[in-house]
């Protein structure tokens, strides 16, 4: 699920960077937030659901 969100934000960021500079900046902020969440998930590891 997290990887899907990451990929969607990456694609939207690239589209916004090319077409809309104002929207690109907003999506860039969201991409940075997604990267932070991704790093937190990678470092914390997965916990098994019981």
C-alpha atoms as a PDB file:
ATOM      1  CA  UNK A   1       0.000   0.000   0.000  1.00  0.00           C
ATOM      2  CA  UNK A   2       2.784   2.402   0.923  1.00  0.00           C
ATOM      3  CA  UNK A   3       4.647   1.620  -2.296  1.00  0.00           C
ATOM      4  CA  UNK A   4       1.507   2.363  -4.318  1.00  0.00           C
ATOM      5  CA  UNK A   5       1.126   5.766  -2.679  1.00  0.00           C
ATOM      6  CA  UNK A   6       4.812   6.450  -3.262  1.00  0.00           C
ATOM      7  CA  UNK A   7       4.582   5.600  -6.970  1.00  0.00           C
ATOM      8  CA  UNK A   8       1.398   7.640  -7.469  1.00  0.00           C
ATOM      9  CA  UNK A   9       2.949  10.676  -5.784  1.00  0.00           C
ATOM     10  CA  UNK A  10       6.116  10.268  -7.832  1.00  0.00           C
ATOM     11  CA  UNK A  11       4.154  10.220 -11.100  1.00  0.00           C
ATOM     12  CA  UNK A  12       2.018  13.198 -10.058  1.00  0.00           C
ATOM     13  CA  UNK A  13       5.136  15.085  -9.045  1.00  0.00           C
ATOM     14  CA  UNK A  14       6.762  14.466 -12.414  1.00  0.00           C
ATOM     15  CA  UNK A  15       3.600  15.538 -14.271  1.00  0.00           C
ATOM     16  CA  UNK A  16       3.263  18.648 -12.129  1.00  0.00           C
ATOM     17  CA  UNK A  17       6.929  19.503 -12.536  1.00  0.00           C
ATOM     18  CA  UNK A  18       6.573  19.441 -16.308  1.00  0.00           C
ATOM     19  CA  UNK A  19       3.165  21.091 -16.704  1.00  0.00           C
ATOM     20  CA  UNK A  20       2.242  23.212 -13.669  1.00  0.00           C
ATOM     21  CA  UNK A  21       4.961  24.847 -11.617  1.00  0.00           C
ATOM     22  CA  UNK A  22       2.652  25.897  -8.761  1.00  0.00           C
ATOM     23  CA  UNK A  23       1.071  22.449  -8.505  1.00  0.00           C
ATOM     24  CA  UNK A  24       4.502  20.861  -8.910  1.00  0.00           C
ATOM     25  CA  UNK A  25       5.719  22.611  -5.771  1.00  0.00           C
ATOM     26  CA  UNK A  26       2.752  21.316  -3.773  1.00  0.00           C
ATOM     27  CA  UNK A  27       3.200  17.774  -5.071  1.00  0.00           C
ATOM     28  CA  UNK A  28       6.927  18.037  -4.343  1.00  0.00           C
ATOM     29  CA  UNK A  29       6.104  18.689  -0.683  1.00  0.00           C
ATOM     30  CA  UNK A  30       3.807  15.651  -0.668  1.00  0.00           C
ATOM     31  CA  UNK A  31       6.556  13.547  -2.259  1.00  0.00           C
ATOM     32  CA  UNK A  32       9.011  14.569   0.441  1.00  0.00           C
ATOM     33  CA  UNK A  33       6.460  13.632   3.098  1.00  0.00           C
ATOM     34  CA  UNK A  34       5.934  10.270   1.384  1.00  0.00           C
ATOM     35  CA  UNK A  35       9.692   9.658   1.392  1.00  0.00           C
ATOM     36  CA  UNK A  36       9.849  10.423   5.113  1.00  0.00           C
ATOM     37  CA  UNK A  37       7.012   7.967   5.795  1.00  0.00           C
ATOM     38  CA  UNK A  38       8.724   5.370   3.595  1.00  0.00           C
ATOM     39  CA  UNK A  39      11.972   5.721   5.511  1.00  0.00           C
ATOM     40  CA  UNK A  40      10.158   5.435   8.844  1.00  0.00           C
ATOM     41  CA  UNK A  41       8.452   2.254   7.623  1.00  0.00           C
ATOM     42  CA  UNK A  42      11.739   0.759   6.398  1.00  0.00           C
ATOM     43  CA  UNK A  43      13.615   1.511   9.618  1.00  0.00           C
ATOM     44  CA  UNK A  44      10.839   0.404  11.959  1.00  0.00           C
ATOM     45  CA  UNK A  45      10.300  -2.889  10.109  1.00  0.00           C
ATOM     46  CA  UNK A  46       7.121  -4.827   9.668  1.00  0.00           C
ATOM     47  CA  UNK A  47       5.337  -6.234  12.657  1.00  0.00           C
ATOM     48  CA  UNK A  48       3.443  -9.475  12.297  1.00  0.00           C
ATOM     49  CA  UNK A  49      -0.290  -9.264  12.888  1.00  0.00           C
ATOM     50  CA  UNK A  50      -1.601 -11.893  15.307  1.00  0.00           C
END
